[in-house]
Amino acid sequence: MKSTTILQNHAFGVFPIFAGMIPSIDLADFLSGDPVRKASFVKALGEAYTDIGFVAVRGHLLKDESSEALYAACKAFFSLPEEQKKKYEIAGLAGQRGYTSFGKEHAKGRNEGDLKEFWHFGQIVEGNDPIKEEYPENVYVAELPEFGKYGIETYKALEETGKYMLRAIALFLGLDEFYFDDKIHHGNSILRPIHYPPITAEPKSAVRAAEHEDINLITLLMGASAEGLQVLNKQGEWVDITALPEQLVVNVGDMLQRLTNNVLKSTTHRVINPPKEKWGTSRFSIPFFLHPRSEMRLDCLPACISDSNPIQYEPISAGEYLNERLREIGLKK
């Protein structure tokens, strides 16, 4: 499959968008108050998620200046000496807050660690919700207070955007529009700034991020600083995907695929290594993994079970499923 390449300026350089690969939709249509525009958004989103599982979204709630500021803070943090970064790698948290050093995480079914280091910002629980006891406190970098400031600001904007995306998904599935609202309120979502450092020697077998599917309900990806993201289409071809600064790439995760009994597709994707002449460059990426509360049931929805699509999964809660997957990718023992 061929694609049209359009170059676009970004604070971290010029990179391509590959036209025609994934549908592009405008969240403003869903929020417009116009029932025709809203229905059109729901239809386009549902068709994208039953086909390739990815969609590009403009009109979202993340401000450009917040995105640019967070990328700048990420670059500053990951440029710190290793001993400084390791001060923020907290034992016993399974990597759920703060810093995770290079090569510790691997894809399910792989033993070789991915060529990346990353940081996790997590949920901030307000009020007396008892779920607060389930979550570790966020970790903040004393040397770079702006990292935490823009990290939390971005977390909240993407969480709010994700809420509206899930409302549209609920309507597509024939559910009440607000079906997911209480299930994601104070959910176990994660914002993950990632650094893929320069490659200094021929990799044995690892890539920057091996082929995998995301664990959560949906993932919202800000524009990355370099090319490398690929998704696997129905024809078994790897397709290049780049999020532009004004867009988010939003994909289905395994929890949503499981809940919908494979009606919505959790697409396999990866981050490949750059050509050898670009080994000396870094790549930065910031996905937001939208998770529900741990008690949410992922049992297949009755409306998604039929004679032609019999039930594919055993009943399980979101918390049980997350722990199972964290063990599979090497973050939890």
Protein backbone atom coordinates (compact mmCIF):
# COMPACT_ATOMS: atom_id res chain seq x y z
CA MET A 1 0.00 0.00 0.00
CA LYS A 2 1.37 3.38 -1.00
CA SER A 3 0.91 6.64 0.81
CA THR A 4 1.12 10.34 0.06
CA THR A 5 3.77 12.10 2.13
CA ILE A 6 3.18 15.67 3.33
CA LEU A 7 5.88 17.45 5.31
CA GLN A 8 4.90 19.59 8.29
CA ASN A 9 7.00 21.78 10.59
CA HIS A 10 7.22 20.91 14.27
CA ALA A 11 9.34 22.16 17.14
CA PHE A 12 11.45 18.99 16.93
CA GLY A 13 11.93 19.10 13.15
CA VAL A 14 10.07 18.33 9.96
CA PHE A 15 8.30 15.02 9.70
CA PRO A 16 5.73 13.35 7.43
CA ILE A 17 2.06 12.63 7.76
CA PHE A 18 0.96 9.66 5.68
CA ALA A 19 -2.34 10.60 4.08
CA GLY A 20 -5.02 8.03 3.45
CA MET A 21 -3.86 5.53 6.05
CA ILE A 22 -6.12 6.27 9.01
CA PRO A 23 -9.29 8.38 9.05
CA SER A 24 -9.11 11.91 10.42
CA ILE A 25 -12.05 13.22 12.46
CA ASP A 26 -12.83 16.42 14.36
CA LEU A 27 -13.95 16.19 18.00
CA ALA A 28 -15.59 19.59 17.55
CA ASP A 29 -18.28 17.79 15.55
CA PHE A 30 -19.14 15.61 18.55
CA LEU A 31 -19.17 18.61 20.89
CA SER A 32 -21.01 20.94 18.48
CA GLY A 33 -24.55 20.41 19.77
CA ASP A 34 -25.58 19.62 16.19
CA PRO A 35 -27.12 16.10 16.16
CA VAL A 36 -26.18 15.54 12.51
CA ARG A 37 -22.51 16.42 13.05
CA LYS A 38 -22.46 14.38 16.26
CA ALA A 39 -23.93 11.31 14.54
CA SER A 40 -21.46 11.67 11.67
CA PHE A 41 -18.55 11.70 14.15
CA VAL A 42 -19.85 8.59 15.93
CA LYS A 43 -20.27 6.73 12.63
CA ALA A 44 -16.79 7.66 11.34
CA LEU A 45 -15.16 6.73 14.65
CA GLY A 46 -16.95 3.40 14.86
CA GLU A 47 -16.06 2.48 11.29
CA ALA A 48 -12.38 3.31 11.91
CA TYR A 49 -12.31 1.22 15.08
CA THR A 50 -13.97 -1.81 13.49
CA ASP A 51 -11.52 -1.57 10.60
CA ILE A 52 -7.95 -0.60 11.61
CA GLY A 53 -8.42 0.45 15.25
CA PHE A 54 -6.69 3.84 14.85
CA VAL A 55 -8.00 7.33 14.10
CA ALA A 56 -6.46 10.84 13.92
CA VAL A 57 -8.38 13.39 16.00
CA ARG A 58 -8.26 17.16 15.70
CA GLY A 59 -10.31 19.60 17.73
CA HIS A 60 -9.22 17.90 20.97
CA LEU A 61 -8.77 19.60 24.35
CA LEU A 62 -4.96 19.62 24.60
CA LYS A 63 -3.50 23.07 23.95
CA ASP A 64 -0.55 23.32 21.56
CA GLU A 65 1.48 25.31 24.08
CA SER A 66 1.03 22.60 26.74
CA SER A 67 2.14 19.94 24.29
CA GLU A 68 5.23 21.88 23.23
CA ALA A 69 6.13 22.75 26.84
CA LEU A 70 5.85 19.13 27.94
CA TYR A 71 8.02 17.89 25.09
CA ALA A 72 10.66 20.47 26.01
CA ALA A 73 10.53 19.37 29.68
CA CYS A 74 10.78 15.70 28.64
CA LYS A 75 13.85 16.43 26.58
CA ALA A 76 15.41 18.21 29.57
CA PHE A 77 14.63 15.37 31.99
CA PHE A 78 15.93 12.57 29.79
CA SER A 79 19.10 14.59 29.19
CA LEU A 80 19.95 14.47 32.91
CA PRO A 81 22.82 12.20 33.99
CA GLU A 82 21.80 8.61 34.64
CA GLU A 83 22.45 8.83 38.40
CA GLN A 84 20.08 11.81 38.66
CA LYS A 85 17.31 10.06 36.75
CA LYS A 86 17.70 6.90 38.83
CA LYS A 87 16.84 8.87 41.97
CA TYR A 88 13.28 8.86 40.62
CA GLU A 89 13.07 5.12 39.89
CA ILE A 90 11.04 3.90 42.86
CA ALA A 91 11.34 0.24 43.86
CA GLY A 92 8.12 -1.68 44.41
CA LEU A 93 5.86 0.43 42.15
CA ALA A 94 6.08 -1.86 39.09
CA GLY A 95 7.03 1.23 37.10
CA GLN A 96 3.63 2.82 37.67
CA ARG A 97 5.01 6.20 38.82
CA GLY A 98 8.23 8.05 38.14
CA TYR A 99 11.17 6.81 36.10
CA THR A 100 11.73 3.41 34.46
CA SER A 101 15.25 2.96 33.15
CA PHE A 102 16.37 1.77 29.74
CA GLY A 103 15.47 -1.73 28.56
CA LYS A 104 13.31 -2.81 31.51
CA GLU A 105 10.03 -3.22 29.63
CA HIS A 106 9.50 -5.72 26.84
CA ALA A 107 6.57 -6.68 24.63
CA LYS A 108 4.35 -9.61 25.58
CA GLY A 109 5.99 -12.84 24.41
CA ARG A 110 9.44 -11.21 24.08
CA ASN A 111 12.42 -11.36 26.43
CA GLU A 112 14.56 -8.61 24.88
CA GLY A 113 13.93 -5.23 26.51
CA ASP A 114 12.67 -2.41 24.30
CA LEU A 115 15.19 0.32 23.47
CA LYS A 116 13.54 2.99 25.60
CA GLU A 117 13.32 4.68 29.00
CA PHE A 118 10.17 6.37 30.25
CA TRP A 119 8.29 8.22 32.97
CA HIS A 120 4.79 7.73 34.37
CA PHE A 121 2.37 10.35 35.63
CA GLY A 122 -0.76 8.86 37.22
CA GLN A 123 -4.19 9.76 38.53
CA ILE A 124 -4.73 12.56 41.03
CA VAL A 125 -7.73 11.62 43.17
CA GLU A 126 -9.80 14.50 44.48
CA GLY A 127 -12.29 14.28 47.35
CA ASN A 128 -12.89 11.21 49.50
CA ASP A 129 -12.93 8.53 46.80
CA PRO A 130 -11.53 5.38 48.51
CA ILE A 131 -9.83 4.36 45.27
CA LYS A 132 -7.04 6.77 46.24
CA GLU A 133 -5.63 3.96 48.41
CA GLU A 134 -4.97 1.90 45.26
CA TYR A 135 -2.72 4.46 43.60
CA PRO A 136 0.86 5.46 44.37
CA GLU A 137 1.57 9.18 44.71
CA ASN A 138 3.00 10.92 41.69
CA VAL A 139 6.75 11.51 41.63
CA TYR A 140 8.08 14.99 40.89
CA VAL A 141 11.53 16.03 39.65
CA ALA A 142 13.11 18.59 41.96
CA GLU A 143 15.47 19.81 39.22
CA LEU A 144 12.63 20.36 36.72
CA PRO A 145 9.38 21.52 38.35
CA GLU A 146 7.97 22.34 34.90
CA PHE A 147 8.07 18.62 34.01
CA GLY A 148 5.45 17.85 36.67
CA LYS A 149 3.47 21.02 35.98
CA TYR A 150 2.99 20.34 32.27
CA GLY A 151 2.74 16.59 32.80
CA ILE A 152 -0.30 16.93 35.08
CA GLU A 153 -1.82 19.65 32.89
CA THR A 154 -1.51 17.38 29.84
CA TYR A 155 -2.83 14.39 31.78
CA LYS A 156 -6.04 16.25 32.64
CA ALA A 157 -6.59 17.53 29.08
CA LEU A 158 -6.12 14.08 27.54
CA GLU A 159 -8.29 12.42 30.19
CA GLU A 160 -11.10 14.86 29.38
CA THR A 161 -10.64 14.29 25.63
CA GLY A 162 -10.73 10.54 26.21
CA LYS A 163 -14.02 10.85 28.11
CA TYR A 164 -15.70 12.32 25.02
CA MET A 165 -14.12 9.72 22.75
CA LEU A 166 -15.57 6.98 24.96
CA ARG A 167 -18.98 8.66 24.91
CA ALA A 168 -18.90 8.46 21.11
CA ILE A 169 -17.81 4.81 21.31
CA ALA A 170 -20.69 4.05 23.70
CA LEU A 171 -23.19 5.51 21.23
CA PHE A 172 -21.68 3.50 18.38
CA LEU A 173 -22.11 0.32 20.44
CA GLY A 174 -25.75 1.14 21.19
CA LEU A 175 -25.04 1.86 24.86
CA ASP A 176 -26.07 4.85 26.93
CA GLU A 177 -23.82 7.76 25.96
CA PHE A 178 -22.48 8.02 29.52
CA TYR A 179 -21.86 4.28 29.98
CA PHE A 180 -18.12 4.75 30.57
CA ASP A 181 -18.23 7.94 32.67
CA ASP A 182 -18.38 6.41 36.14
CA LYS A 183 -16.03 3.61 35.10
CA ILE A 184 -13.24 6.01 34.14
CA HIS A 185 -13.81 8.59 36.90
CA HIS A 186 -10.55 8.51 38.89
CA GLY A 187 -9.49 5.63 36.64
CA ASN A 188 -5.99 4.14 36.65
CA SER A 189 -4.83 6.09 33.59
CA ILE A 190 -1.16 6.76 32.84
CA LEU A 191 0.65 9.50 30.90
CA ARG A 192 3.93 8.10 29.64
CA PRO A 193 6.67 10.39 28.29
CA ILE A 194 9.08 8.07 26.44
CA HIS A 195 12.66 8.58 25.29
CA TYR A 196 14.17 6.29 22.68
CA PRO A 197 17.88 7.16 23.00
CA PRO A 198 20.37 7.20 20.12
CA ILE A 199 21.39 3.70 19.04
CA THR A 200 25.10 3.29 19.71
CA ALA A 201 25.69 -0.30 18.54
CA GLU A 202 24.04 -2.90 16.34
CA PRO A 203 20.95 -4.08 18.27
CA LYS A 204 20.90 -7.82 18.94
CA SER A 205 17.21 -8.29 18.29
CA ALA A 206 15.43 -5.44 20.06
CA VAL A 207 13.64 -2.58 18.40
CA ARG A 208 12.60 0.68 19.99
CA ALA A 209 9.24 -0.91 20.84
CA ALA A 210 8.41 -4.42 19.62
CA GLU A 211 5.04 -5.25 18.09
CA HIS A 212 2.30 -5.15 20.71
CA GLU A 213 -1.24 -4.14 21.53
CA ASP A 214 -2.02 -1.64 24.29
CA ILE A 215 -3.54 -2.95 27.54
CA ASN A 216 -6.06 -0.19 28.26
CA LEU A 217 -9.39 1.06 26.87
CA ILE A 218 -8.03 3.68 24.45
CA THR A 219 -4.65 5.35 23.93
CA LEU A 220 -4.28 9.02 23.00
CA LEU A 221 -0.92 9.78 21.38
CA MET A 222 0.45 13.29 21.04
CA GLY A 223 2.56 14.15 17.99
CA ALA A 224 5.86 12.27 18.27
CA SER A 225 9.22 13.94 17.59
CA ALA A 226 10.31 11.54 14.84
CA GLU A 227 8.95 8.91 12.55
CA GLY A 228 8.93 5.22 13.50
CA LEU A 229 5.38 4.29 14.58
CA GLN A 230 3.81 1.59 12.41
CA VAL A 231 0.48 -0.26 12.59
CA LEU A 232 -0.38 -3.64 11.10
CA ASN A 233 -3.31 -3.45 8.69
CA LYS A 234 -5.75 -6.20 7.66
CA GLN A 235 -3.56 -7.13 4.72
CA GLY A 236 -0.65 -7.90 7.06
CA GLU A 237 1.28 -4.80 5.97
CA TRP A 238 3.08 -2.40 8.31
CA VAL A 239 1.80 1.14 7.73
CA ASP A 240 3.63 4.30 8.86
CA ILE A 241 1.68 6.60 11.20
CA THR A 242 2.75 10.04 12.42
CA ALA A 243 0.66 12.29 14.65
CA LEU A 244 0.82 15.93 13.64
CA PRO A 245 1.11 18.60 16.35
CA GLU A 246 -2.56 19.57 16.04
CA GLN A 247 -3.77 15.97 16.05
CA LEU A 248 -3.93 13.06 18.44
CA VAL A 249 -3.74 9.51 17.19
CA VAL A 250 -6.28 7.54 19.24
CA ASN A 251 -6.35 3.75 19.15
CA VAL A 252 -8.32 0.92 20.72
CA GLY A 253 -6.65 -1.05 23.52
CA ASP A 254 -7.09 -4.67 24.57
CA MET A 255 -9.56 -3.86 27.36
CA LEU A 256 -11.99 -2.30 24.89
CA GLN A 257 -11.45 -5.09 22.39
CA ARG A 258 -12.18 -7.60 25.14
CA LEU A 259 -15.28 -5.72 26.35
CA THR A 260 -16.66 -5.60 22.79
CA ASN A 261 -15.81 -9.25 22.03
CA ASN A 262 -13.48 -8.19 19.18
CA VAL A 263 -16.04 -5.89 17.53
CA LEU A 264 -13.59 -3.01 18.05
CA LYS A 265 -10.02 -3.82 17.05
CA SER A 266 -6.92 -3.46 19.22
CA THR A 267 -4.42 -3.09 16.40
CA THR A 268 -0.88 -4.41 16.59
CA HIS A 269 1.69 -1.62 16.38
CA ARG A 270 5.42 -1.07 16.92
CA VAL A 271 8.16 1.57 16.88
CA ILE A 272 10.90 0.57 14.48
CA ASN A 273 14.54 1.59 14.61
CA PRO A 274 15.52 4.44 12.29
CA PRO A 275 17.82 3.99 9.28
CA LYS A 276 21.44 3.59 10.31
CA GLU A 277 22.31 7.14 9.30
CA LYS A 278 19.81 8.37 11.93
CA TRP A 279 20.97 6.10 14.78
CA GLY A 280 22.50 9.12 16.51
CA THR A 281 19.10 10.78 16.99
CA SER A 282 16.62 10.50 19.85
CA ARG A 283 12.90 9.91 19.53
CA PHE A 284 10.38 11.29 22.05
CA SER A 285 6.76 10.15 22.33
CA ILE A 286 3.99 10.83 24.88
CA PRO A 287 1.03 8.42 24.91
CA PHE A 288 -1.84 8.66 27.39
CA PHE A 289 -3.16 5.21 28.32
CA LEU A 290 -6.77 5.64 29.43
CA HIS A 291 -7.61 2.98 32.01
CA PRO A 292 -10.84 2.44 33.94
CA ARG A 293 -11.18 1.89 37.66
CA SER A 294 -9.96 -1.53 38.74
CA GLU A 295 -13.47 -2.79 39.59
CA MET A 296 -14.81 -2.29 36.05
CA ARG A 297 -15.90 -5.59 34.52
CA LEU A 298 -14.48 -6.44 31.11
CA ASP A 299 -17.00 -9.26 30.54
CA CYS A 300 -18.09 -9.20 26.90
CA LEU A 301 -21.09 -6.96 26.25
CA PRO A 302 -24.22 -8.99 25.41
CA ALA A 303 -24.85 -6.81 22.34
CA CYS A 304 -21.44 -7.87 20.95
CA ILE A 305 -22.15 -11.62 21.24
CA SER A 306 -23.95 -13.45 18.44
CA ASP A 307 -24.03 -16.76 16.57
CA SER A 308 -21.52 -15.33 14.09
CA ASN A 309 -19.40 -13.80 16.87
CA PRO A 310 -19.53 -16.17 19.86
CA ILE A 311 -18.02 -15.09 23.17
CA GLN A 312 -14.22 -14.95 22.95
CA TYR A 313 -13.11 -14.14 26.50
CA GLU A 314 -13.58 -15.31 30.07
CA PRO A 315 -15.00 -12.80 32.59
CA ILE A 316 -12.37 -10.64 34.32
CA SER A 317 -12.08 -7.25 36.03
CA ALA A 318 -9.92 -4.43 34.70
CA GLY A 319 -7.66 -4.63 37.75
CA GLU A 320 -7.10 -8.37 37.37
CA TYR A 321 -6.40 -8.00 33.69
CA LEU A 322 -3.94 -5.13 34.21
CA ASN A 323 -1.93 -7.10 36.77
CA GLU A 324 -1.81 -10.08 34.43
CA ARG A 325 -0.48 -7.95 31.59
CA LEU A 326 2.06 -6.06 33.73
CA ARG A 327 3.60 -9.41 34.61
CA GLU A 328 3.70 -10.40 30.94
CA ILE A 329 5.65 -7.29 29.93
CA GLY A 330 8.19 -7.54 32.76
CA LEU A 331 7.12 -4.61 34.97
CA LYS A 332 5.60 -6.72 37.73
CA LYS A 333 6.83 -9.94 39.30
